[in-house]
């Protein structure tokens, strides 16, 4: 694995080690075939798990030969990386409803962000469970995942620090520790519901996650400054 991972369109570390993925084919037919293999690989990985997935099952699912597979990928590890590459933007950058990102709108922004995250988690639940499995057996992938998690926490910490200066977040909190706590909470809630099968209703999940996030950071739910709320 290279010393540093590539960045995505928003400057965040990617979950993909680019050295494990070949360049995209240039012909329309090649692009279609590769996309078919990636889609088939995702179905097989989600159905059988990473360890039990076999190349012959992937090629059978895609309706092509093993020789065709090796035209585009060298190994199961490489096609798995391609699966992650195809899904990470949906998971990590889900579309948000339009909410003006201003300090007084922080409760609405948090709610919209949580809603979009849980919707994306639900869409990708089987793959998210698979990521947990692969992270325990692939040190390279685990390191990429840790770098991305740290980068997201750091970004949230900077936002928390700004809101502290503006009087919306409890000033006694350490921004980095608080960011790690709330982002870990939201991630684990998604995992518990959509991977482990906790029977929580979606709106209740969003409501609870949002209330806990705001309470943890000491953000008034009406969007007022902390001094104005007391």
C-alpha atoms as a PDB file:
ATOM      1  CA  UNK A   1       0.000   0.000   0.000  1.00  0.00           C
ATOM      2  CA  UNK A   2       1.220   3.516  -0.730  1.00  0.00           C
ATOM      3  CA  UNK A   3       2.208   5.785   2.136  1.00  0.00           C
ATOM      4  CA  UNK A   4      -0.790   8.075   1.616  1.00  0.00           C
ATOM      5  CA  UNK A   5      -4.166   7.400   0.043  1.00  0.00           C
ATOM      6  CA  UNK A   6      -5.788   9.463  -2.691  1.00  0.00           C
ATOM      7  CA  UNK A   7      -8.371  12.111  -1.892  1.00  0.00           C
ATOM      8  CA  UNK A   8     -11.936  12.238  -3.112  1.00  0.00           C
ATOM      9  CA  UNK A   9     -13.694  15.215  -4.713  1.00  0.00           C
ATOM     10  CA  UNK A  10     -14.137  16.896  -1.316  1.00  0.00           C
ATOM     11  CA  UNK A  11     -10.517  16.408  -0.291  1.00  0.00           C
ATOM     12  CA  UNK A  12     -11.268  13.504   2.059  1.00  0.00           C
ATOM     13  CA  UNK A  13      -9.118  10.339   2.128  1.00  0.00           C
ATOM     14  CA  UNK A  14     -10.710   7.662  -0.041  1.00  0.00           C
ATOM     15  CA  UNK A  15     -11.467   4.099   1.044  1.00  0.00           C
ATOM     16  CA  UNK A  16      -9.782   2.915  -2.142  1.00  0.00           C
ATOM     17  CA  UNK A  17      -6.087   2.154  -2.566  1.00  0.00           C
ATOM     18  CA  UNK A  18      -5.665   3.257  -6.182  1.00  0.00           C
ATOM     19  CA  UNK A  19      -2.714   0.904  -6.626  1.00  0.00           C
ATOM     20  CA  UNK A  20      -5.193  -1.981  -6.365  1.00  0.00           C
ATOM     21  CA  UNK A  21      -7.408  -0.811  -9.237  1.00  0.00           C
ATOM     22  CA  UNK A  22      -6.516  -0.595 -12.911  1.00  0.00           C
ATOM     23  CA  UNK A  23      -7.464   2.349 -15.077  1.00  0.00           C
ATOM     24  CA  UNK A  24     -10.965   2.304 -16.541  1.00  0.00           C
ATOM     25  CA  UNK A  25     -11.299   0.706 -20.009  1.00  0.00           C
ATOM     26  CA  UNK A  26     -11.653   3.182 -22.858  1.00  0.00           C
ATOM     27  CA  UNK A  27     -14.218   1.449 -25.072  1.00  0.00           C
ATOM     28  CA  UNK A  28     -17.973   1.480 -24.444  1.00  0.00           C
ATOM     29  CA  UNK A  29     -18.038  -2.314 -24.487  1.00  0.00           C
ATOM     30  CA  UNK A  30     -15.166  -2.530 -22.022  1.00  0.00           C
ATOM     31  CA  UNK A  31     -16.832  -0.072 -19.671  1.00  0.00           C
ATOM     32  CA  UNK A  32     -20.095  -2.053 -19.777  1.00  0.00           C
ATOM     33  CA  UNK A  33     -18.312  -5.340 -19.122  1.00  0.00           C
ATOM     34  CA  UNK A  34     -16.340  -3.958 -16.213  1.00  0.00           C
ATOM     35  CA  UNK A  35     -19.457  -2.395 -14.674  1.00  0.00           C
ATOM     36  CA  UNK A  36     -21.255  -5.727 -15.051  1.00  0.00           C
ATOM     37  CA  UNK A  37     -18.433  -7.502 -13.228  1.00  0.00           C
ATOM     38  CA  UNK A  38     -18.406  -4.941 -10.417  1.00  0.00           C
ATOM     39  CA  UNK A  39     -22.196  -5.215  -9.970  1.00  0.00           C
ATOM     40  CA  UNK A  40     -21.994  -9.014 -10.003  1.00  0.00           C
ATOM     41  CA  UNK A  41     -19.113  -8.974  -7.524  1.00  0.00           C
ATOM     42  CA  UNK A  42     -21.094  -6.811  -5.126  1.00  0.00           C
ATOM     43  CA  UNK A  43     -24.032  -9.229  -5.239  1.00  0.00           C
ATOM     44  CA  UNK A  44     -21.758 -12.217  -4.606  1.00  0.00           C
ATOM     45  CA  UNK A  45     -19.823 -10.499  -1.812  1.00  0.00           C
ATOM     46  CA  UNK A  46     -23.044  -9.438  -0.105  1.00  0.00           C
ATOM     47  CA  UNK A  47     -24.552 -12.917  -0.510  1.00  0.00           C
ATOM     48  CA  UNK A  48     -21.544 -15.077   0.407  1.00  0.00           C
ATOM     49  CA  UNK A  49     -19.277 -12.771   2.401  1.00  0.00           C
ATOM     50  CA  UNK A  50     -15.773 -11.709   1.476  1.00  0.00           C
ATOM     51  CA  UNK A  51     -13.951 -14.874   2.535  1.00  0.00           C
ATOM     52  CA  UNK A  52     -16.334 -17.304   0.826  1.00  0.00           C
ATOM     53  CA  UNK A  53     -16.830 -15.338  -2.385  1.00  0.00           C
ATOM     54  CA  UNK A  54     -15.198 -17.088  -5.374  1.00  0.00           C
ATOM     55  CA  UNK A  55     -14.163 -15.746  -8.751  1.00  0.00           C
ATOM     56  CA  UNK A  56     -16.145 -18.475 -10.525  1.00  0.00           C
ATOM     57  CA  UNK A  57     -19.276 -17.307  -8.716  1.00  0.00           C
ATOM     58  CA  UNK A  58     -18.629 -13.707  -9.715  1.00  0.00           C
ATOM     59  CA  UNK A  59     -18.111 -14.580 -13.373  1.00  0.00           C
ATOM     60  CA  UNK A  60     -21.184 -16.822 -13.366  1.00  0.00           C
ATOM     61  CA  UNK A  61     -23.227 -13.992 -11.873  1.00  0.00           C
ATOM     62  CA  UNK A  62     -21.901 -11.618 -14.541  1.00  0.00           C
ATOM     63  CA  UNK A  63     -22.426 -14.161 -17.326  1.00  0.00           C
ATOM     64  CA  UNK A  64     -18.834 -14.074 -18.532  1.00  0.00           C
ATOM     65  CA  UNK A  65     -15.730 -16.253 -18.471  1.00  0.00           C
ATOM     66  CA  UNK A  66     -12.911 -16.261 -15.942  1.00  0.00           C
ATOM     67  CA  UNK A  67     -10.644 -15.124 -18.765  1.00  0.00           C
ATOM     68  CA  UNK A  68     -12.824 -12.054 -19.246  1.00  0.00           C
ATOM     69  CA  UNK A  69     -12.560 -11.330 -15.520  1.00  0.00           C
ATOM     70  CA  UNK A  70      -8.777 -11.283 -15.735  1.00  0.00           C
ATOM     71  CA  UNK A  71      -8.963  -8.743 -18.550  1.00  0.00           C
ATOM     72  CA  UNK A  72     -10.199  -6.219 -16.005  1.00  0.00           C
ATOM     73  CA  UNK A  73      -9.094  -7.460 -12.582  1.00  0.00           C
ATOM     74  CA  UNK A  74      -6.149  -9.404 -11.175  1.00  0.00           C
ATOM     75  CA  UNK A  75      -7.820 -10.843  -8.093  1.00  0.00           C
ATOM     76  CA  UNK A  76     -10.758 -10.949  -5.722  1.00  0.00           C
ATOM     77  CA  UNK A  77      -9.084  -8.197  -3.703  1.00  0.00           C
ATOM     78  CA  UNK A  78      -8.959  -5.917  -6.745  1.00  0.00           C
ATOM     79  CA  UNK A  79     -12.601  -6.398  -7.715  1.00  0.00           C
ATOM     80  CA  UNK A  80     -13.611  -5.846  -4.077  1.00  0.00           C
ATOM     81  CA  UNK A  81     -11.721  -2.552  -4.160  1.00  0.00           C
ATOM     82  CA  UNK A  82     -13.667  -1.637  -7.292  1.00  0.00           C
ATOM     83  CA  UNK A  83     -16.929  -2.420  -5.482  1.00  0.00           C
ATOM     84  CA  UNK A  84     -15.922  -0.061  -2.669  1.00  0.00           C
ATOM     85  CA  UNK A  85     -14.920   2.588  -5.184  1.00  0.00           C
ATOM     86  CA  UNK A  86     -18.342   2.383  -6.843  1.00  0.00           C
ATOM     87  CA  UNK A  87     -20.270   2.781  -3.580  1.00  0.00           C
ATOM     88  CA  UNK A  88     -18.208   5.022  -1.292  1.00  0.00           C
ATOM     89  CA  UNK A  89     -19.514   8.311  -2.692  1.00  0.00           C
ATOM     90  CA  UNK A  90     -23.114   7.272  -2.025  1.00  0.00           C
ATOM     91  CA  UNK A  91     -22.258   6.203   1.511  1.00  0.00           C
ATOM     92  CA  UNK A  92     -19.934   9.005   2.514  1.00  0.00           C
ATOM     93  CA  UNK A  93     -21.480  11.889   0.572  1.00  0.00           C
ATOM     94  CA  UNK A  94     -25.228  11.236   0.445  1.00  0.00           C
ATOM     95  CA  UNK A  95     -27.362  13.981  -1.032  1.00  0.00           C
ATOM     96  CA  UNK A  96     -28.664  16.358   1.604  1.00  0.00           C
ATOM     97  CA  UNK A  97     -31.973  18.229   1.544  1.00  0.00           C
ATOM     98  CA  UNK A  98     -31.362  21.933   1.008  1.00  0.00           C
ATOM     99  CA  UNK A  99     -30.820  23.542   4.403  1.00  0.00           C
ATOM    100  CA  UNK A 100     -28.860  26.777   4.671  1.00  0.00           C
ATOM    101  CA  UNK A 101     -25.691  26.004   6.619  1.00  0.00           C
ATOM    102  CA  UNK A 102     -25.828  28.858   9.124  1.00  0.00           C
ATOM    103  CA  UNK A 103     -25.220  28.677  12.897  1.00  0.00           C
ATOM    104  CA  UNK A 104     -28.874  29.272  13.769  1.00  0.00           C
ATOM    105  CA  UNK A 105     -29.845  26.403  11.451  1.00  0.00           C
ATOM    106  CA  UNK A 106     -27.493  23.917  13.123  1.00  0.00           C
ATOM    107  CA  UNK A 107     -30.318  21.705  14.497  1.00  0.00           C
ATOM    108  CA  UNK A 108     -31.873  21.468  11.004  1.00  0.00           C
ATOM    109  CA  UNK A 109     -28.486  20.781   9.400  1.00  0.00           C
ATOM    110  CA  UNK A 110     -27.753  18.009  11.917  1.00  0.00           C
ATOM    111  CA  UNK A 111     -31.167  16.434  11.311  1.00  0.00           C
ATOM    112  CA  UNK A 112     -30.793  16.594   7.512  1.00  0.00           C
ATOM    113  CA  UNK A 113     -27.300  15.113   7.703  1.00  0.00           C
ATOM    114  CA  UNK A 114     -28.433  12.265   9.958  1.00  0.00           C
ATOM    115  CA  UNK A 115     -31.416  11.517   7.731  1.00  0.00           C
ATOM    116  CA  UNK A 116     -29.276  11.355   4.589  1.00  0.00           C
ATOM    117  CA  UNK A 117     -26.654   9.206   6.336  1.00  0.00           C
ATOM    118  CA  UNK A 118     -29.179   6.653   7.597  1.00  0.00           C
ATOM    119  CA  UNK A 119     -30.892   6.498   4.198  1.00  0.00           C
ATOM    120  CA  UNK A 120     -27.520   5.783   2.572  1.00  0.00           C
ATOM    121  CA  UNK A 121     -26.683   3.221   5.276  1.00  0.00           C
ATOM    122  CA  UNK A 122     -29.964   1.439   4.606  1.00  0.00           C
ATOM    123  CA  UNK A 123     -29.244   1.333   0.857  1.00  0.00           C
ATOM    124  CA  UNK A 124     -25.791  -0.094   1.480  1.00  0.00           C
ATOM    125  CA  UNK A 125     -26.428  -2.141   4.617  1.00  0.00           C
ATOM    126  CA  UNK A 126     -25.059  -5.452   3.381  1.00  0.00           C
ATOM    127  CA  UNK A 127     -21.926  -3.825   2.043  1.00  0.00           C
ATOM    128  CA  UNK A 128     -21.398  -1.913   5.297  1.00  0.00           C
ATOM    129  CA  UNK A 129     -21.511  -5.200   7.177  1.00  0.00           C
ATOM    130  CA  UNK A 130     -19.004  -6.593   4.724  1.00  0.00           C
ATOM    131  CA  UNK A 131     -16.667  -3.642   5.306  1.00  0.00           C
ATOM    132  CA  UNK A 132     -16.579  -4.566   8.989  1.00  0.00           C
ATOM    133  CA  UNK A 133     -15.479  -8.073   8.042  1.00  0.00           C
ATOM    134  CA  UNK A 134     -12.792  -6.987   5.592  1.00  0.00           C
ATOM    135  CA  UNK A 135     -11.369  -4.383   7.964  1.00  0.00           C
ATOM    136  CA  UNK A 136     -10.570  -7.150  10.447  1.00  0.00           C
ATOM    137  CA  UNK A 137      -8.564  -9.208   7.945  1.00  0.00           C
ATOM    138  CA  UNK A 138      -7.025  -6.666   5.561  1.00  0.00           C
ATOM    139  CA  UNK A 139      -4.522  -4.309   7.251  1.00  0.00           C
ATOM    140  CA  UNK A 140      -4.272  -2.079   4.174  1.00  0.00           C
ATOM    141  CA  UNK A 141      -8.014  -1.539   3.988  1.00  0.00           C
ATOM    142  CA  UNK A 142      -8.212  -1.051   7.747  1.00  0.00           C
ATOM    143  CA  UNK A 143      -5.604   1.722   7.543  1.00  0.00           C
ATOM    144  CA  UNK A 144      -7.490   3.477   4.735  1.00  0.00           C
ATOM    145  CA  UNK A 145     -10.693   3.251   6.752  1.00  0.00           C
ATOM    146  CA  UNK A 146      -9.026   4.684   9.842  1.00  0.00           C
ATOM    147  CA  UNK A 147      -7.579   7.588   7.847  1.00  0.00           C
ATOM    148  CA  UNK A 148     -10.984   8.425   6.414  1.00  0.00           C
ATOM    149  CA  UNK A 149     -12.672   8.202   9.826  1.00  0.00           C
ATOM    150  CA  UNK A 150     -10.039  10.493  11.336  1.00  0.00           C
ATOM    151  CA  UNK A 151     -10.444  12.982   8.493  1.00  0.00           C
ATOM    152  CA  UNK A 152     -14.223  13.131   8.973  1.00  0.00           C
ATOM    153  CA  UNK A 153     -13.806  13.551  12.722  1.00  0.00           C
ATOM    154  CA  UNK A 154     -11.245  16.312  12.152  1.00  0.00           C
ATOM    155  CA  UNK A 155     -13.623  18.119   9.789  1.00  0.00           C
ATOM    156  CA  UNK A 156     -16.439  17.895  12.333  1.00  0.00           C
ATOM    157  CA  UNK A 157     -14.071  19.063  15.065  1.00  0.00           C
ATOM    158  CA  UNK A 158     -13.277  22.221  13.100  1.00  0.00           C
ATOM    159  CA  UNK A 159     -16.998  22.879  12.667  1.00  0.00           C
ATOM    160  CA  UNK A 160     -17.615  22.321  16.382  1.00  0.00           C
ATOM    161  CA  UNK A 161     -14.801  24.731  17.281  1.00  0.00           C
ATOM    162  CA  UNK A 162     -16.346  27.436  15.086  1.00  0.00           C
ATOM    163  CA  UNK A 163     -19.777  26.904  16.675  1.00  0.00           C
ATOM    164  CA  UNK A 164     -18.155  27.152  20.101  1.00  0.00           C
ATOM    165  CA  UNK A 165     -16.696  30.534  19.170  1.00  0.00           C
ATOM    166  CA  UNK A 166     -20.130  31.643  17.953  1.00  0.00           C
ATOM    167  CA  UNK A 167     -21.805  30.581  21.193  1.00  0.00           C
ATOM    168  CA  UNK A 168     -23.799  27.576  19.957  1.00  0.00           C
ATOM    169  CA  UNK A 169     -21.776  24.657  21.404  1.00  0.00           C
ATOM    170  CA  UNK A 170     -20.691  23.942  24.984  1.00  0.00           C
ATOM    171  CA  UNK A 171     -17.298  25.708  25.250  1.00  0.00           C
ATOM    172  CA  UNK A 172     -15.984  23.217  27.822  1.00  0.00           C
ATOM    173  CA  UNK A 173     -15.922  20.353  25.287  1.00  0.00           C
ATOM    174  CA  UNK A 174     -12.756  19.298  23.513  1.00  0.00           C
ATOM    175  CA  UNK A 175     -13.741  19.639  19.811  1.00  0.00           C
ATOM    176  CA  UNK A 176     -11.771  16.614  18.633  1.00  0.00           C
ATOM    177  CA  UNK A 177     -13.030  14.283  21.345  1.00  0.00           C
ATOM    178  CA  UNK A 178     -16.602  15.524  20.949  1.00  0.00           C
ATOM    179  CA  UNK A 179     -16.482  15.056  17.176  1.00  0.00           C
ATOM    180  CA  UNK A 180     -15.193  11.499  17.536  1.00  0.00           C
ATOM    181  CA  UNK A 181     -17.923  10.690  20.060  1.00  0.00           C
ATOM    182  CA  UNK A 182     -20.894  11.971  18.060  1.00  0.00           C
ATOM    183  CA  UNK A 183     -19.749  10.624  14.676  1.00  0.00           C
ATOM    184  CA  UNK A 184     -19.011   7.216  16.217  1.00  0.00           C
ATOM    185  CA  UNK A 185     -22.457   7.207  17.806  1.00  0.00           C
ATOM    186  CA  UNK A 186     -24.237   7.878  14.507  1.00  0.00           C
ATOM    187  CA  UNK A 187     -22.193   5.249  12.669  1.00  0.00           C
ATOM    188  CA  UNK A 188     -22.867   2.622  15.315  1.00  0.00           C
ATOM    189  CA  UNK A 189     -26.575   3.391  15.358  1.00  0.00           C
ATOM    190  CA  UNK A 190     -26.717   2.781  11.604  1.00  0.00           C
ATOM    191  CA  UNK A 191     -24.800  -0.469  12.004  1.00  0.00           C
ATOM    192  CA  UNK A 192     -27.054  -1.662  14.827  1.00  0.00           C
ATOM    193  CA  UNK A 193     -30.247  -1.067  12.854  1.00  0.00           C
ATOM    194  CA  UNK A 194     -29.311  -1.964   9.288  1.00  0.00           C
ATOM    195  CA  UNK A 195     -26.631  -4.619   9.793  1.00  0.00           C
ATOM    196  CA  UNK A 196     -27.494  -6.204  13.152  1.00  0.00           C
ATOM    197  CA  UNK A 197     -31.242  -5.783  12.670  1.00  0.00           C
ATOM    198  CA  UNK A 198     -32.355  -3.693  15.642  1.00  0.00           C
ATOM    199  CA  UNK A 199     -36.066  -3.057  14.938  1.00  0.00           C
ATOM    200  CA  UNK A 200     -36.059   0.736  15.229  1.00  0.00           C
ATOM    201  CA  UNK A 201     -38.398   2.796  13.070  1.00  0.00           C
ATOM    202  CA  UNK A 202     -36.651   5.228  10.694  1.00  0.00           C
ATOM    203  CA  UNK A 203     -38.130   8.505  11.940  1.00  0.00           C
ATOM    204  CA  UNK A 204     -37.500   7.501  15.549  1.00  0.00           C
ATOM    205  CA  UNK A 205     -33.903   6.711  14.599  1.00  0.00           C
ATOM    206  CA  UNK A 206     -33.433  10.163  13.038  1.00  0.00           C
ATOM    207  CA  UNK A 207     -35.180  11.911  15.947  1.00  0.00           C
ATOM    208  CA  UNK A 208     -33.139  10.103  18.599  1.00  0.00           C
ATOM    209  CA  UNK A 209     -29.812  10.517  16.822  1.00  0.00           C
ATOM    210  CA  UNK A 210     -30.435  14.219  16.297  1.00  0.00           C
ATOM    211  CA  UNK A 211     -31.548  14.817  19.881  1.00  0.00           C
ATOM    212  CA  UNK A 212     -28.514  12.974  21.258  1.00  0.00           C
ATOM    213  CA  UNK A 213     -26.126  14.853  18.924  1.00  0.00           C
ATOM    214  CA  UNK A 214     -27.532  18.247  19.966  1.00  0.00           C
ATOM    215  CA  UNK A 215     -27.647  17.329  23.659  1.00  0.00           C
ATOM    216  CA  UNK A 216     -24.103  15.973  23.615  1.00  0.00           C
ATOM    217  CA  UNK A 217     -22.750  19.238  22.198  1.00  0.00           C
ATOM    218  CA  UNK A 218     -25.019  21.443  24.298  1.00  0.00           C
ATOM    219  CA  UNK A 219     -26.725  22.962  21.232  1.00  0.00           C
ATOM    220  CA  UNK A 220     -30.161  24.501  21.957  1.00  0.00           C
ATOM    221  CA  UNK A 221     -32.766  22.742  19.842  1.00  0.00           C
ATOM    222  CA  UNK A 222     -34.394  26.008  18.765  1.00  0.00           C
ATOM    223  CA  UNK A 223     -31.191  27.199  17.102  1.00  0.00           C
ATOM    224  CA  UNK A 224     -30.558  29.981  19.589  1.00  0.00           C
ATOM    225  CA  UNK A 225     -27.228  30.779  21.168  1.00  0.00           C
ATOM    226  CA  UNK A 226     -26.554  29.070  24.467  1.00  0.00           C
ATOM    227  CA  UNK A 227     -26.606  32.404  26.372  1.00  0.00           C
ATOM    228  CA  UNK A 228     -29.965  33.269  24.819  1.00  0.00           C
ATOM    229  CA  UNK A 229     -31.461  29.881  25.715  1.00  0.00           C
ATOM    230  CA  UNK A 230     -30.917  30.234  29.460  1.00  0.00           C
END
